[in-house]
Amino acid sequence: QVQLVESGGGSVQPGGSLRLSCEASGFTFSENDMNWYRQAPGKERDFIARISDTGDSTVYIDSVKGRFTISRDNAKATLYLQMNNLKPEDTARYYCKAPALVGWGQGTQVTVST
C-alpha cells in the first residue's frame, strides 16, 4: 500500500523557518515525481512545489519561490520542503503526493503567527 507520512510542522513566528519531511513507502519512490500541497483554513488544497524523479528539475508557485526549497533523498525514500522567511499566509496543513499515484498522507500543520 502507498504510504506517505509528513512531519516537521509546528508553530513559528513570521520570518522563521521549518523543514518538512515526507517518508514514502509502498512504491518505487525513485521513479516518481513528487509534489507538495497545502490547504489553508476555508480554502482548497493547492499545489505549491514539484520535484522530478531524479531531483534534477523543480517547479514552484510564485508565492513560495525564493523562500521554499523542495528536495529529495531517493536512498531514504524521503521528500523534503525547506521553508524560510515564513509568512502568516503560509499557515496551512502541508501534504506530499506522488502525482502518478492515488494516496495522500495525513499532512503536517504549519502555523505562522505572532
Protein backbone atom coordinates (compact mmCIF):
# COMPACT_ATOMS: atom_id res chain seq x y z
CA GLN A 1 0.00 0.00 0.00
CA VAL A 2 1.17 3.51 -0.79
CA GLN A 3 2.02 5.32 2.44
CA LEU A 4 3.09 8.94 2.88
CA VAL A 5 3.96 10.26 6.34
CA GLU A 6 4.50 14.01 6.66
CA SER A 7 6.29 15.51 9.65
CA GLY A 8 8.19 18.59 10.78
CA GLY A 9 5.36 21.08 11.08
CA GLY A 10 4.90 23.39 14.01
CA SER A 11 4.18 26.93 15.17
CA VAL A 12 6.66 29.68 14.29
CA GLN A 13 6.85 33.47 14.17
CA PRO A 14 6.92 35.37 10.87
CA GLY A 15 10.40 35.18 9.36
CA GLY A 16 11.07 31.80 10.91
CA SER A 17 11.95 28.53 9.22
CA LEU A 18 10.76 24.93 9.19
CA ARG A 19 11.88 21.80 7.36
CA LEU A 20 9.11 19.37 6.46
CA SER A 21 9.72 15.70 5.68
CA CYS A 22 7.65 13.12 3.83
CA GLU A 23 8.59 9.48 4.29
CA ALA A 24 7.30 7.32 1.45
CA SER A 25 6.74 3.58 1.12
CA GLY A 26 4.74 1.08 -0.93
CA PHE A 27 6.00 2.26 -4.33
CA THR A 28 9.23 2.89 -6.21
CA PHE A 29 9.99 6.35 -4.84
CA SER A 30 12.98 6.95 -7.13
CA GLU A 31 10.81 6.53 -10.25
CA ASN A 32 8.16 9.06 -9.23
CA ASP A 33 7.95 12.82 -9.36
CA MET A 34 6.82 14.21 -6.00
CA ASN A 35 4.71 17.24 -5.10
CA TRP A 36 3.97 19.33 -2.02
CA TYR A 37 0.50 20.80 -1.47
CA ARG A 38 -1.09 22.90 1.25
CA GLN A 39 -4.59 23.57 2.48
CA ALA A 40 -5.34 26.71 4.48
CA PRO A 41 -8.47 27.11 6.64
CA GLY A 42 -11.53 27.50 4.42
CA LYS A 43 -9.50 27.03 1.24
CA GLU A 44 -8.97 24.33 -1.38
CA ARG A 45 -5.85 22.20 -1.34
CA ASP A 46 -3.26 23.93 -3.55
CA PHE A 47 -0.17 22.68 -5.33
CA ILE A 48 2.97 24.51 -4.21
CA ALA A 49 6.05 22.63 -5.49
CA ARG A 50 7.19 19.69 -7.62
CA ILE A 51 10.44 17.79 -7.98
CA SER A 52 11.30 15.31 -10.73
CA ASP A 53 12.14 11.69 -10.00
CA THR A 54 15.89 12.31 -10.16
CA GLY A 55 15.75 15.68 -8.41
CA ASP A 56 17.10 17.46 -11.48
CA SER A 57 14.04 19.63 -12.07
CA THR A 58 11.83 21.66 -9.72
CA VAL A 59 8.74 23.84 -10.05
CA TYR A 60 7.31 26.35 -7.53
CA ILE A 61 4.31 28.62 -7.40
CA ASP A 62 5.27 32.29 -7.38
CA SER A 63 4.26 32.95 -3.78
CA VAL A 64 6.84 30.50 -2.39
CA LYS A 65 9.62 30.81 -4.97
CA GLY A 66 12.82 32.05 -3.35
CA ARG A 67 11.60 31.08 0.12
CA PHE A 68 10.84 27.34 -0.16
CA THR A 69 13.12 24.61 -1.50
CA ILE A 70 11.88 21.15 -2.44
CA SER A 71 14.42 18.32 -2.36
CA ARG A 72 14.57 14.55 -2.07
CA ASP A 73 16.79 11.71 -0.90
CA ASN A 74 15.97 8.69 -3.04
CA ALA A 75 18.15 6.40 -0.93
CA LYS A 76 15.95 7.25 2.08
CA ALA A 77 12.69 7.44 0.08
CA THR A 78 12.12 10.83 1.69
CA LEU A 79 10.90 14.16 0.30
CA TYR A 80 11.71 17.49 1.97
CA LEU A 81 10.45 21.05 1.95
CA GLN A 82 12.73 23.70 3.44
CA MET A 83 10.59 26.71 4.32
CA ASN A 84 12.36 30.01 5.06
CA ASN A 85 11.08 33.53 5.78
CA LEU A 86 7.69 32.15 6.69
CA LYS A 87 4.67 34.45 6.47
CA PRO A 88 1.25 34.26 8.14
CA GLU A 89 -0.28 33.39 4.77
CA ASP A 90 1.81 30.20 4.77
CA THR A 91 -0.34 28.87 7.60
CA ALA A 92 -1.86 25.62 6.31
CA ARG A 93 -1.75 21.88 6.55
CA TYR A 94 1.00 20.59 4.24
CA TYR A 95 0.78 17.35 2.25
CA CYS A 96 3.08 15.40 -0.06
CA LYS A 97 1.94 13.30 -3.01
CA ALA A 98 3.22 11.32 -5.96
CA PRO A 99 1.09 12.74 -8.79
CA ALA A 100 1.10 9.41 -10.65
CA LEU A 101 -0.30 7.58 -7.63
CA VAL A 102 -3.52 7.67 -5.61
CA GLY A 103 -2.53 8.11 -1.98
CA TRP A 104 -2.45 11.07 0.40
CA GLY A 105 -0.83 11.23 3.81
CA GLN A 106 -2.24 12.83 6.95
CA GLY A 107 -0.39 16.10 6.42
CA THR A 108 1.51 18.22 8.91
CA GLN A 109 0.30 21.54 10.32
CA VAL A 110 2.29 24.75 9.86
CA THR A 111 1.15 27.82 11.79
CA VAL A 112 2.87 31.19 11.34
CA SER A 113 1.76 33.87 13.79
CA THR A 114 2.95 36.43 16.31
